[in-house]
C-alpha cells in the first residue's frame, strides 16, 4: 500500500508532537540475593537449607537471643553440610553421609 504525500505529512506532524524522552527515571532500587555455591542446598543431616542456620543453632539463638553463625563445610567429595551437624556426625562415623567416602574437609565458608 503506497503512502500519499498527505499521509507522510500527517505522520511528520505527529512525530514532531512527541517528546524526546518517553519517561524519566527518578528513583531506582537495586535488589540482590546470595546463596552458597553448593550442588544440593539442603543439609542431609538436619534437612534444613544450607543457607539457613542448622536446627541446633536456631534453637540456641532462640534461647540465648544471640545470633550464632552457622558455617557450611565441604568435603573432598564436594558434598556440603552445616559444620555443626557434620562435627557431631563425624564423632560417630567418619564417612560422608551421602556417598560414604572417608570424610575430610575441603573448605569451610561463612
PDB file of N, CA and C in Angstrom:
ATOM      1  N   UNK A   1       0.833  -1.163   0.000  1.00  0.00           N
ATOM      2  CA  UNK A   1       0.000   0.000   0.000  1.00  0.00           C
ATOM      3  C   UNK A   1       0.889   1.241   0.000  1.00  0.00           C
ATOM      4  N   UNK A   2       0.761   2.071  -0.975  1.00  0.00           N
ATOM      5  CA  UNK A   2       1.598   3.260  -1.135  1.00  0.00           C
ATOM      6  C   UNK A   2       1.047   4.397  -0.294  1.00  0.00           C
ATOM      7  N   UNK A   3       1.968   5.134   0.331  1.00  0.00           N
ATOM      8  CA  UNK A   3       1.563   6.270   1.149  1.00  0.00           C
ATOM      9  C   UNK A   3       1.523   7.521   0.279  1.00  0.00           C
ATOM     10  N   UNK A   4       0.542   8.340   0.511  1.00  0.00           N
ATOM     11  CA  UNK A   4       0.430   9.597  -0.232  1.00  0.00           C
ATOM     12  C   UNK A   4       1.211  10.667   0.494  1.00  0.00           C
ATOM     13  N   UNK A   5       1.383  11.818  -0.193  1.00  0.00           N
ATOM     14  CA  UNK A   5       2.087  12.929   0.435  1.00  0.00           C
ATOM     15  C   UNK A   5       1.318  13.435   1.663  1.00  0.00           C
ATOM     16  N   UNK A   6       0.006  13.323   1.627  1.00  0.00           N
ATOM     17  CA  UNK A   6      -0.837  13.752   2.755  1.00  0.00           C
ATOM     18  C   UNK A   6      -0.535  12.894   3.983  1.00  0.00           C
ATOM     19  N   UNK A   7      -0.457  11.518   3.773  1.00  0.00           N
ATOM     20  CA  UNK A   7      -0.168  10.607   4.872  1.00  0.00           C
ATOM     21  C   UNK A   7       1.208  10.885   5.476  1.00  0.00           C
ATOM     22  N   UNK A   8       2.203  11.119   4.626  1.00  0.00           N
ATOM     23  CA  UNK A   8       3.559  11.400   5.105  1.00  0.00           C
ATOM     24  C   UNK A   8       3.595  12.705   5.894  1.00  0.00           C
ATOM     25  N   UNK A   9       2.869  13.694   5.436  1.00  0.00           N
ATOM     26  CA  UNK A   9       2.818  14.973   6.149  1.00  0.00           C
ATOM     27  C   UNK A   9       2.168  14.838   7.507  1.00  0.00           C
ATOM     28  N   UNK A  10       1.057  14.045   7.579  1.00  0.00           N
ATOM     29  CA  UNK A  10       0.378  13.829   8.857  1.00  0.00           C
ATOM     30  C   UNK A  10       1.292  13.117   9.851  1.00  0.00           C
ATOM     31  N   UNK A  11       2.059  12.107   9.373  1.00  0.00           N
ATOM     32  CA  UNK A  11       2.959  11.375  10.267  1.00  0.00           C
ATOM     33  C   UNK A  11       4.074  12.282  10.770  1.00  0.00           C
ATOM     34  N   UNK A  12       4.608  13.149   9.928  1.00  0.00           N
ATOM     35  CA  UNK A  12       5.662  14.076  10.326  1.00  0.00           C
ATOM     36  C   UNK A  12       5.140  15.033  11.391  1.00  0.00           C
ATOM     37  N   UNK A  13       3.890  15.489  11.266  1.00  0.00           N
ATOM     38  CA  UNK A  13       3.311  16.384  12.268  1.00  0.00           C
ATOM     39  C   UNK A  13       3.164  15.656  13.608  1.00  0.00           C
ATOM     40  N   UNK A  14       2.720  14.391  13.589  1.00  0.00           N
ATOM     41  CA  UNK A  14       2.543  13.618  14.822  1.00  0.00           C
ATOM     42  C   UNK A  14       3.883  13.345  15.504  1.00  0.00           C
ATOM     43  N   UNK A  15       4.932  13.042  14.716  1.00  0.00           N
ATOM     44  CA  UNK A  15       6.248  12.777  15.287  1.00  0.00           C
ATOM     45  C   UNK A  15       6.824  14.019  15.945  1.00  0.00           C
ATOM     46  N   UNK A  16       6.538  15.183  15.414  1.00  0.00           N
ATOM     47  CA  UNK A  16       7.089  16.403  15.996  1.00  0.00           C
ATOM     48  C   UNK A  16       6.408  16.748  17.320  1.00  0.00           C
ATOM     49  N   UNK A  17       5.196  16.223  17.560  1.00  0.00           N
ATOM     50  CA  UNK A  17       4.490  16.484  18.803  1.00  0.00           C
ATOM     51  C   UNK A  17       4.962  15.600  19.952  1.00  0.00           C
ATOM     52  N   UNK A  18       5.637  14.480  19.648  1.00  0.00           N
ATOM     53  CA  UNK A  18       6.088  13.546  20.677  1.00  0.00           C
ATOM     54  C   UNK A  18       7.289  14.118  21.429  1.00  0.00           C
ATOM     55  N   UNK A  19       7.341  13.934  22.731  1.00  0.00           N
ATOM     56  CA  UNK A  19       8.507  14.407  23.489  1.00  0.00           C
ATOM     57  C   UNK A  19       9.733  13.557  23.158  1.00  0.00           C
ATOM     58  N   UNK A  20      10.913  14.116  23.432  1.00  0.00           N
ATOM     59  CA  UNK A  20      12.159  13.398  23.150  1.00  0.00           C
ATOM     60  C   UNK A  20      12.302  12.154  24.007  1.00  0.00           C
ATOM     61  N   UNK A  21      11.903  12.222  25.272  1.00  0.00           N
ATOM     62  CA  UNK A  21      12.030  11.096  26.193  1.00  0.00           C
ATOM     63  C   UNK A  21      10.646  10.572  26.544  1.00  0.00           C
ATOM     64  N   UNK A  22      10.513   9.266  26.539  1.00  0.00           N
ATOM     65  CA  UNK A  22       9.239   8.667  26.893  1.00  0.00           C
ATOM     66  C   UNK A  22       8.977   8.743  28.389  1.00  0.00           C
ATOM     67  N   UNK A  23      10.053   8.615  29.196  1.00  0.00           N
ATOM     68  CA  UNK A  23       9.917   8.698  30.645  1.00  0.00           C
ATOM     69  C   UNK A  23      11.247   9.128  31.244  1.00  0.00           C
ATOM     70  N   UNK A  24      11.186   9.573  32.473  1.00  0.00           N
ATOM     71  CA  UNK A  24      12.384   9.978  33.207  1.00  0.00           C
ATOM     72  C   UNK A  24      12.472   9.105  34.448  1.00  0.00           C
ATOM     73  N   UNK A  25      13.613   8.477  34.637  1.00  0.00           N
ATOM     74  CA  UNK A  25      13.844   7.622  35.800  1.00  0.00           C
ATOM     75  C   UNK A  25      14.186   8.518  36.986  1.00  0.00           C
ATOM     76  N   UNK A  26      13.329   8.516  37.993  1.00  0.00           N
ATOM     77  CA  UNK A  26      13.537   9.376  39.151  1.00  0.00           C
ATOM     78  C   UNK A  26      14.159   8.633  40.324  1.00  0.00           C
ATOM     79  N   UNK A  27      13.881   7.346  40.457  1.00  0.00           N
ATOM     80  CA  UNK A  27      14.406   6.565  41.574  1.00  0.00           C
ATOM     81  C   UNK A  27      14.591   5.131  41.119  1.00  0.00           C
ATOM     82  N   UNK A  28      15.665   4.500  41.594  1.00  0.00           N
ATOM     83  CA  UNK A  28      15.941   3.115  41.230  1.00  0.00           C
ATOM     84  C   UNK A  28      16.468   2.390  42.452  1.00  0.00           C
ATOM     85  N   UNK A  29      15.866   1.258  42.800  1.00  0.00           N
ATOM     86  CA  UNK A  29      16.307   0.444  43.929  1.00  0.00           C
ATOM     87  C   UNK A  29      16.820  -0.885  43.407  1.00  0.00           C
ATOM     88  N   UNK A  30      18.038  -1.226  43.766  1.00  0.00           N
ATOM     89  CA  UNK A  30      18.621  -2.499  43.355  1.00  0.00           C
ATOM     90  C   UNK A  30      18.351  -3.553  44.420  1.00  0.00           C
ATOM     91  N   UNK A  31      18.080  -4.780  44.000  1.00  0.00           N
ATOM     92  CA  UNK A  31      17.840  -5.889  44.905  1.00  0.00           C
ATOM     93  C   UNK A  31      18.821  -6.998  44.534  1.00  0.00           C
ATOM     94  N   UNK A  32      19.471  -7.575  45.537  1.00  0.00           N
ATOM     95  CA  UNK A  32      20.433  -8.648  45.299  1.00  0.00           C
ATOM     96  C   UNK A  32      20.098  -9.835  46.190  1.00  0.00           C
ATOM     97  N   UNK A  33      20.516 -11.010  45.761  1.00  0.00           N
ATOM     98  CA  UNK A  33      20.305 -12.231  46.536  1.00  0.00           C
ATOM     99  C   UNK A  33      21.569 -13.073  46.453  1.00  0.00           C
ATOM    100  N   UNK A  34      21.921 -13.725  47.543  1.00  0.00           N
ATOM    101  CA  UNK A  34      23.111 -14.565  47.538  1.00  0.00           C
ATOM    102  C   UNK A  34      22.729 -15.971  47.959  1.00  0.00           C
ATOM    103  N   UNK A  35      23.605 -16.901  47.658  1.00  0.00           N
ATOM    104  CA  UNK A  35      23.426 -18.274  48.119  1.00  0.00           C
ATOM    105  C   UNK A  35      24.797 -18.940  48.145  1.00  0.00           C
ATOM    106  N   UNK A  36      24.891 -20.014  48.892  1.00  0.00           N
ATOM    107  CA  UNK A  36      26.131 -20.785  48.932  1.00  0.00           C
ATOM    108  C   UNK A  36      26.330 -21.463  47.587  1.00  0.00           C
ATOM    109  N   UNK A  37      27.582 -21.686  47.209  1.00  0.00           N
ATOM    110  CA  UNK A  37      27.909 -22.349  45.960  1.00  0.00           C
ATOM    111  C   UNK A  37      27.895 -23.860  46.204  1.00  0.00           C
ATOM    112  N   UNK A  38      26.695 -24.436  46.221  1.00  0.00           N
ATOM    113  CA  UNK A  38      26.541 -25.855  46.514  1.00  0.00           C
ATOM    114  C   UNK A  38      25.637 -26.503  45.474  1.00  0.00           C
ATOM    115  N   UNK A  39      25.864 -27.789  45.249  1.00  0.00           N
ATOM    116  CA  UNK A  39      25.007 -28.529  44.323  1.00  0.00           C
ATOM    117  C   UNK A  39      23.651 -28.814  44.962  1.00  0.00           C
ATOM    118  N   UNK A  40      23.675 -29.232  46.204  1.00  0.00           N
ATOM    119  CA  UNK A  40      22.445 -29.532  46.934  1.00  0.00           C
ATOM    120  C   UNK A  40      22.305 -28.482  48.026  1.00  0.00           C
ATOM    121  N   UNK A  41      21.182 -27.799  48.081  1.00  0.00           N
ATOM    122  CA  UNK A  41      21.037 -26.697  49.022  1.00  0.00           C
ATOM    123  C   UNK A  41      20.440 -27.101  50.362  1.00  0.00           C
ATOM    124  N   UNK A  42      20.350 -28.391  50.628  1.00  0.00           N
ATOM    125  CA  UNK A  42      19.801 -28.885  51.888  1.00  0.00           C
ATOM    126  C   UNK A  42      20.845 -29.752  52.590  1.00  0.00           C
ATOM    127  N   UNK A  43      21.032 -29.519  53.874  1.00  0.00           N
ATOM    128  CA  UNK A  43      21.936 -30.351  54.681  1.00  0.00           C
ATOM    129  C   UNK A  43      21.280 -31.722  54.848  1.00  0.00           C
ATOM    130  N   UNK A  44      21.982 -32.775  54.471  1.00  0.00           N
ATOM    131  CA  UNK A  44      21.414 -34.122  54.527  1.00  0.00           C
ATOM    132  C   UNK A  44      21.281 -34.637  55.955  1.00  0.00           C
ATOM    133  N   UNK A  45      21.913 -33.983  56.905  1.00  0.00           N
ATOM    134  CA  UNK A  45      21.853 -34.441  58.289  1.00  0.00           C
ATOM    135  C   UNK A  45      20.638 -33.864  59.004  1.00  0.00           C
ATOM    136  N   UNK A  46      20.469 -32.539  58.934  1.00  0.00           N
ATOM    137  CA  UNK A  46      19.352 -31.915  59.659  1.00  0.00           C
ATOM    138  C   UNK A  46      18.171 -31.557  58.757  1.00  0.00           C
ATOM    139  N   UNK A  47      18.336 -31.690  57.436  1.00  0.00           N
ATOM    140  CA  UNK A  47      17.274 -31.417  56.453  1.00  0.00           C
ATOM    141  C   UNK A  47      16.833 -29.948  56.429  1.00  0.00           C
ATOM    142  N   UNK A  48      17.734 -29.026  56.785  1.00  0.00           N
ATOM    143  CA  UNK A  48      17.472 -27.594  56.722  1.00  0.00           C
ATOM    144  C   UNK A  48      18.326 -27.032  55.591  1.00  0.00           C
ATOM    145  N   UNK A  49      17.844 -25.998  54.920  1.00  0.00           N
ATOM    146  CA  UNK A  49      18.629 -25.394  53.849  1.00  0.00           C
ATOM    147  C   UNK A  49      19.975 -24.928  54.373  1.00  0.00           C
ATOM    148  N   UNK A  50      21.000 -25.118  53.566  1.00  0.00           N
ATOM    149  CA  UNK A  50      22.360 -24.782  53.974  1.00  0.00           C
ATOM    150  C   UNK A  50      22.507 -23.278  54.191  1.00  0.00           C
ATOM    151  N   UNK A  51      21.723 -22.459  53.479  1.00  0.00           N
ATOM    152  CA  UNK A  51      21.800 -21.006  53.654  1.00  0.00           C
ATOM    153  C   UNK A  51      21.287 -20.569  55.021  1.00  0.00           C
ATOM    154  N   UNK A  52      20.418 -21.371  55.649  1.00  0.00           N
ATOM    155  CA  UNK A  52      19.892 -21.054  56.977  1.00  0.00           C
ATOM    156  C   UNK A  52      20.747 -21.722  58.043  1.00  0.00           C
ATOM    157  N   UNK A  53      20.570 -21.310  59.267  1.00  0.00           N
ATOM    158  CA  UNK A  53      21.266 -21.950  60.385  1.00  0.00           C
ATOM    159  C   UNK A  53      20.675 -23.338  60.620  1.00  0.00           C
ATOM    160  N   UNK A  54      21.490 -24.253  61.131  1.00  0.00           N
ATOM    161  CA  UNK A  54      21.007 -25.608  61.423  1.00  0.00           C
ATOM    162  C   UNK A  54      20.007 -25.566  62.583  1.00  0.00           C
ATOM    163  N   UNK A  55      19.329 -26.666  62.806  1.00  0.00           N
ATOM    164  CA  UNK A  55      18.310 -26.713  63.865  1.00  0.00           C
ATOM    165  C   UNK A  55      18.887 -26.405  65.232  1.00  0.00           C
ATOM    166  N   UNK A  56      20.075 -26.921  65.488  1.00  0.00           N
ATOM    167  CA  UNK A  56      20.713 -26.704  66.790  1.00  0.00           C
ATOM    168  C   UNK A  56      21.023 -25.226  67.006  1.00  0.00           C
ATOM    169  N   UNK A  57      21.562 -24.560  66.003  1.00  0.00           N
ATOM    170  CA  UNK A  57      21.886 -23.132  66.123  1.00  0.00           C
ATOM    171  C   UNK A  57      20.618 -22.292  66.204  1.00  0.00           C
ATOM    172  N   UNK A  58      19.574 -22.700  65.494  1.00  0.00           N
ATOM    173  CA  UNK A  58      18.304 -21.982  65.576  1.00  0.00           C
ATOM    174  C   UNK A  58      17.732 -22.060  66.987  1.00  0.00           C
ATOM    175  N   UNK A  59      17.808 -23.247  67.594  1.00  0.00           N
ATOM    176  CA  UNK A  59      17.291 -23.424  68.956  1.00  0.00           C
ATOM    177  C   UNK A  59      18.119 -22.621  69.957  1.00  0.00           C
ATOM    178  N   UNK A  60      19.433 -22.621  69.812  1.00  0.00           N
ATOM    179  CA  UNK A  60      20.295 -21.878  70.726  1.00  0.00           C
ATOM    180  C   UNK A  60      20.088 -20.378  70.578  1.00  0.00           C
ATOM    181  N   UNK A  61      19.867 -19.900  69.370  1.00  0.00           N
ATOM    182  CA  UNK A  61      19.678 -18.457  69.179  1.00  0.00           C
ATOM    183  C   UNK A  61      18.347 -18.005  69.774  1.00  0.00           C
ATOM    184  N   UNK A  62      17.337 -18.884  69.807  1.00  0.00           N
ATOM    185  CA  UNK A  62      16.059 -18.528  70.437  1.00  0.00           C
ATOM    186  C   UNK A  62      16.204 -18.456  71.949  1.00  0.00           C
ATOM    187  N   UNK A  63      16.990 -19.375  72.520  1.00  0.00           N
ATOM    188  CA  UNK A  63      17.185 -19.383  73.971  1.00  0.00           C
ATOM    189  C   UNK A  63      18.045 -18.204  74.420  1.00  0.00           C
ATOM    190  N   UNK A  64      19.181 -18.016  73.746  1.00  0.00           N
ATOM    191  CA  UNK A  64      20.154 -17.011  74.172  1.00  0.00           C
ATOM    192  C   UNK A  64      19.874 -15.631  73.606  1.00  0.00           C
ATOM    193  N   UNK A  65      19.003 -15.544  72.610  1.00  0.00           N
ATOM    194  CA  UNK A  65      18.704 -14.283  71.936  1.00  0.00           C
ATOM    195  C   UNK A  65      19.953 -13.701  71.279  1.00  0.00           C
ATOM    196  N   UNK A  66      20.910 -14.557  70.917  1.00  0.00           N
ATOM    197  CA  UNK A  66      22.110 -14.101  70.221  1.00  0.00           C
ATOM    198  C   UNK A  66      22.246 -14.884  68.920  1.00  0.00           C
ATOM    199  N   UNK A  67      22.603 -14.184  67.858  1.00  0.00           N
ATOM    200  CA  UNK A  67      22.711 -14.827  66.546  1.00  0.00           C
ATOM    201  C   UNK A  67      24.063 -15.498  66.435  1.00  0.00           C
ATOM    202  N   UNK A  68      24.038 -16.785  66.156  1.00  0.00           N
ATOM    203  CA  UNK A  68      25.275 -17.542  66.029  1.00  0.00           C
ATOM    204  C   UNK A  68      25.483 -17.886  64.556  1.00  0.00           C
ATOM    205  N   UNK A  69      26.696 -17.689  64.060  1.00  0.00           N
ATOM    206  CA  UNK A  69      26.976 -18.010  62.664  1.00  0.00           C
ATOM    207  C   UNK A  69      27.118 -19.510  62.503  1.00  0.00           C
ATOM    208  N   UNK A  70      26.375 -20.048  61.588  1.00  0.00           N
ATOM    209  CA  UNK A  70      26.415 -21.468  61.285  1.00  0.00           C
ATOM    210  C   UNK A  70      27.043 -21.607  59.904  1.00  0.00           C
ATOM    211  N   UNK A  71      28.280 -22.080  59.833  1.00  0.00           N
ATOM    212  CA  UNK A  71      29.006 -22.113  58.570  1.00  0.00           C
ATOM    213  C   UNK A  71      28.776 -23.423  57.839  1.00  0.00           C
ATOM    214  N   UNK A  72      29.087 -23.404  56.549  1.00  0.00           N
ATOM    215  CA  UNK A  72      28.955 -24.575  55.700  1.00  0.00           C
ATOM    216  C   UNK A  72      30.331 -25.200  55.535  1.00  0.00           C
ATOM    217  N   UNK A  73      30.380 -26.510  55.505  1.00  0.00           N
ATOM    218  CA  UNK A  73      31.637 -27.224  55.297  1.00  0.00           C
ATOM    219  C   UNK A  73      31.479 -28.147  54.088  1.00  0.00           C
ATOM    220  N   UNK A  74      32.483 -28.141  53.208  1.00  0.00           N
ATOM    221  CA  UNK A  74      32.506 -29.008  52.037  1.00  0.00           C
ATOM    222  C   UNK A  74      33.550 -30.085  52.260  1.00  0.00           C
ATOM    223  N   UNK A  75      33.212 -31.303  51.888  1.00  0.00           N
ATOM    224  CA  UNK A  75      34.163 -32.394  51.982  1.00  0.00           C
ATOM    225  C   UNK A  75      34.916 -32.564  50.681  1.00  0.00           C
ATOM    226  N   UNK A  76      35.915 -33.429  50.680  1.00  0.00           N
ATOM    227  CA  UNK A  76      36.668 -33.738  49.463  1.00  0.00           C
ATOM    228  C   UNK A  76      35.750 -34.312  48.378  1.00  0.00           C
ATOM    229  N   UNK A  77      34.633 -34.869  48.786  1.00  0.00           N
ATOM    230  CA  UNK A  77      33.668 -35.440  47.837  1.00  0.00           C
ATOM    231  C   UNK A  77      32.727 -34.375  47.259  1.00  0.00           C
ATOM    232  N   UNK A  78      32.905 -33.112  47.658  1.00  0.00           N
ATOM    233  CA  UNK A  78      32.094 -31.964  47.236  1.00  0.00           C
ATOM    234  C   UNK A  78      30.688 -31.939  47.814  1.00  0.00           C
ATOM    235  N   UNK A  79      30.385 -32.760  48.798  1.00  0.00           N
ATOM    236  CA  UNK A  79      29.098 -32.665  49.484  1.00  0.00           C
ATOM    237  C   UNK A  79      29.232 -31.623  50.586  1.00  0.00           C
ATOM    238  N   UNK A  80      28.145 -30.906  50.850  1.00  0.00           N
ATOM    239  CA  UNK A  80      28.198 -29.816  51.826  1.00  0.00           C
ATOM    240  C   UNK A  80      27.163 -30.037  52.925  1.00  0.00           C
ATOM    241  N   UNK A  81      27.529 -29.608  54.127  1.00  0.00           N
ATOM    242  CA  UNK A  81      26.685 -29.752  55.311  1.00  0.00           C
ATOM    243  C   UNK A  81      26.934 -28.557  56.223  1.00  0.00           C
ATOM    244  N   UNK A  82      26.071 -28.376  57.214  1.00  0.00           N
ATOM    245  CA  UNK A  82      26.373 -27.415  58.271  1.00  0.00           C
ATOM    246  C   UNK A  82      27.546 -27.977  59.073  1.00  0.00           C
ATOM    247  N   UNK A  83      28.457 -27.111  59.457  1.00  0.00           N
ATOM    248  CA  UNK A  83      29.610 -27.572  60.238  1.00  0.00           C
ATOM    249  C   UNK A  83      29.160 -28.179  61.563  1.00  0.00           C
ATOM    250  N   UNK A  84      28.154 -27.578  62.191  1.00  0.00           N
ATOM    251  CA  UNK A  84      27.643 -28.095  63.469  1.00  0.00           C
ATOM    252  C   UNK A  84      27.139 -29.534  63.311  1.00  0.00           C
ATOM    253  N   UNK A  85      26.385 -29.771  62.251  1.00  0.00           N
ATOM    254  CA  UNK A  85      25.826 -31.107  62.011  1.00  0.00           C
ATOM    255  C   UNK A  85      26.938 -32.114  61.722  1.00  0.00           C
ATOM    256  N   UNK A  86      27.875 -31.712  60.867  1.00  0.00           N
ATOM    257  CA  UNK A  86      28.929 -32.645  60.452  1.00  0.00           C
ATOM    258  C   UNK A  86      29.894 -32.956  61.591  1.00  0.00           C
ATOM    259  N   UNK A  87      30.144 -31.986  62.467  1.00  0.00           N
ATOM    260  CA  UNK A  87      31.058 -32.249  63.584  1.00  0.00           C
ATOM    261  C   UNK A  87      30.472 -33.309  64.518  1.00  0.00           C
ATOM    262  N   UNK A  88      29.150 -33.293  64.726  1.00  0.00           N
ATOM    263  CA  UNK A  88      28.517 -34.345  65.527  1.00  0.00           C
ATOM    264  C   UNK A  88      28.495 -35.679  64.783  1.00  0.00           C
ATOM    265  N   UNK A  89      28.271 -35.647  63.483  1.00  0.00           N
ATOM    266  CA  UNK A  89      28.219 -36.860  62.671  1.00  0.00           C
ATOM    267  C   UNK A  89      29.574 -37.578  62.694  1.00  0.00           C
ATOM    268  N   UNK A  90      30.649 -36.820  62.556  1.00  0.00           N
ATOM    269  CA  UNK A  90      31.995 -37.394  62.467  1.00  0.00           C
ATOM    270  C   UNK A  90      32.395 -38.082  63.768  1.00  0.00           C
ATOM    271  N   UNK A  91      31.829 -37.663  64.889  1.00  0.00           N
ATOM    272  CA  UNK A  91      32.132 -38.322  66.161  1.00  0.00           C
ATOM    273  C   UNK A  91      31.671 -39.775  66.156  1.00  0.00           C
ATOM    274  N   UNK A  92      30.600 -40.076  65.435  1.00  0.00           N
ATOM    275  CA  UNK A  92      30.078 -41.446  65.372  1.00  0.00           C
ATOM    276  C   UNK A  92      30.550 -42.204  64.138  1.00  0.00           C
ATOM    277  N   UNK A  93      30.719 -41.495  63.021  1.00  0.00           N
ATOM    278  CA  UNK A  93      31.049 -42.150  61.765  1.00  0.00           C
ATOM    279  C   UNK A  93      31.876 -41.173  60.928  1.00  0.00           C
ATOM    280  N   UNK A  94      33.105 -41.523  60.606  1.00  0.00           N
ATOM    281  CA  UNK A  94      33.997 -40.624  59.874  1.00  0.00           C
ATOM    282  C   UNK A  94      33.824 -40.761  58.358  1.00  0.00           C
ATOM    283  N   UNK A  95      32.598 -40.908  57.903  1.00  0.00           N
ATOM    284  CA  UNK A  95      32.309 -41.023  56.475  1.00  0.00           C
ATOM    285  C   UNK A  95      31.227 -40.021  56.086  1.00  0.00           C
ATOM    286  N   UNK A  96      31.237 -39.628  54.818  1.00  0.00           N
ATOM    287  CA  UNK A  96      30.224 -38.713  54.306  1.00  0.00           C
ATOM    288  C   UNK A  96      28.859 -39.398  54.377  1.00  0.00           C
ATOM    289  N   UNK A  97      27.832 -38.727  54.888  1.00  0.00           N
ATOM    290  CA  UNK A  97      26.507 -39.338  54.992  1.00  0.00           C
ATOM    291  C   UNK A  97      25.877 -39.672  53.633  1.00  0.00           C
ATOM    292  N   UNK A  98      26.339 -39.023  52.576  1.00  0.00           N
ATOM    293  CA  UNK A  98      25.731 -39.247  51.265  1.00  0.00           C
ATOM    294  C   UNK A  98      26.448 -40.288  50.426  1.00  0.00           C
ATOM    295  N   UNK A  99      27.777 -40.223  50.373  1.00  0.00           N
ATOM    296  CA  UNK A  99      28.499 -41.129  49.465  1.00  0.00           C
ATOM    297  C   UNK A  99      29.368 -42.155  50.198  1.00  0.00           C
ATOM    298  N   UNK A 100      29.468 -42.054  51.514  1.00  0.00           N
ATOM    299  CA  UNK A 100      30.222 -42.989  52.352  1.00  0.00           C
ATOM    300  C   UNK A 100      31.734 -42.954  52.119  1.00  0.00           C
ATOM    301  N   UNK A 101      32.252 -41.922  51.451  1.00  0.00           N
ATOM    302  CA  UNK A 101      33.703 -41.765  51.353  1.00  0.00           C
ATOM    303  C   UNK A 101      34.226 -41.277  52.701  1.00  0.00           C
ATOM    304  N   UNK A 102      35.484 -41.582  52.984  1.00  0.00           N
ATOM    305  CA  UNK A 102      36.065 -41.097  54.229  1.00  0.00           C
ATOM    306  C   UNK A 102      36.029 -39.576  54.239  1.00  0.00           C
ATOM    307  N   UNK A 103      35.577 -38.998  55.358  1.00  0.00           N
ATOM    308  CA  UNK A 103      35.357 -37.563  55.426  1.00  0.00           C
ATOM    309  C   UNK A 103      36.638 -36.802  55.702  1.00  0.00           C
ATOM    310  N   UNK A 104      36.923 -35.855  54.840  1.00  0.00           N
ATOM    311  CA  UNK A 104      37.998 -34.884  55.095  1.00  0.00           C
ATOM    312  C   UNK A 104      37.522 -33.546  54.541  1.00  0.00           C
ATOM    313  N   UNK A 105      37.797 -32.492  55.277  1.00  0.00           N
ATOM    314  CA  UNK A 105      37.295 -31.165  54.914  1.00  0.00           C
ATOM    315  C   UNK A 105      38.078 -30.598  53.763  1.00  0.00           C
ATOM    316  N   UNK A 106      37.369 -30.155  52.746  1.00  0.00           N
ATOM    317  CA  UNK A 106      37.981 -29.468  51.605  1.00  0.00           C
ATOM    318  C   UNK A 106      38.047 -27.968  51.874  1.00  0.00           C
ATOM    319  N   UNK A 107      36.911 -27.386  52.316  1.00  0.00           N
ATOM    320  CA  UNK A 107      36.865 -25.957  52.639  1.00  0.00           C
ATOM    321  C   UNK A 107      35.672 -25.651  53.520  1.00  0.00           C
ATOM    322  N   UNK A 108      35.738 -24.487  54.159  1.00  0.00           N
ATOM    323  CA  UNK A 108      34.636 -24.008  55.002  1.00  0.00           C
ATOM    324  C   UNK A 108      34.283 -22.602  54.536  1.00  0.00           C
ATOM    325  N   UNK A 109      33.014 -22.234  54.701  1.00  0.00           N
ATOM    326  CA  UNK A 109      32.589 -20.899  54.273  1.00  0.00           C
ATOM    327  C   UNK A 109      31.682 -20.264  55.296  1.00  0.00           C
ATOM    328  N   UNK A 110      31.636 -18.939  55.270  1.00  0.00           N
ATOM    329  CA  UNK A 110      30.746 -18.188  56.155  1.00  0.00           C
ATOM    330  C   UNK A 110      29.673 -17.548  55.344  1.00  0.00           C
TER     331      UNK A 110
END
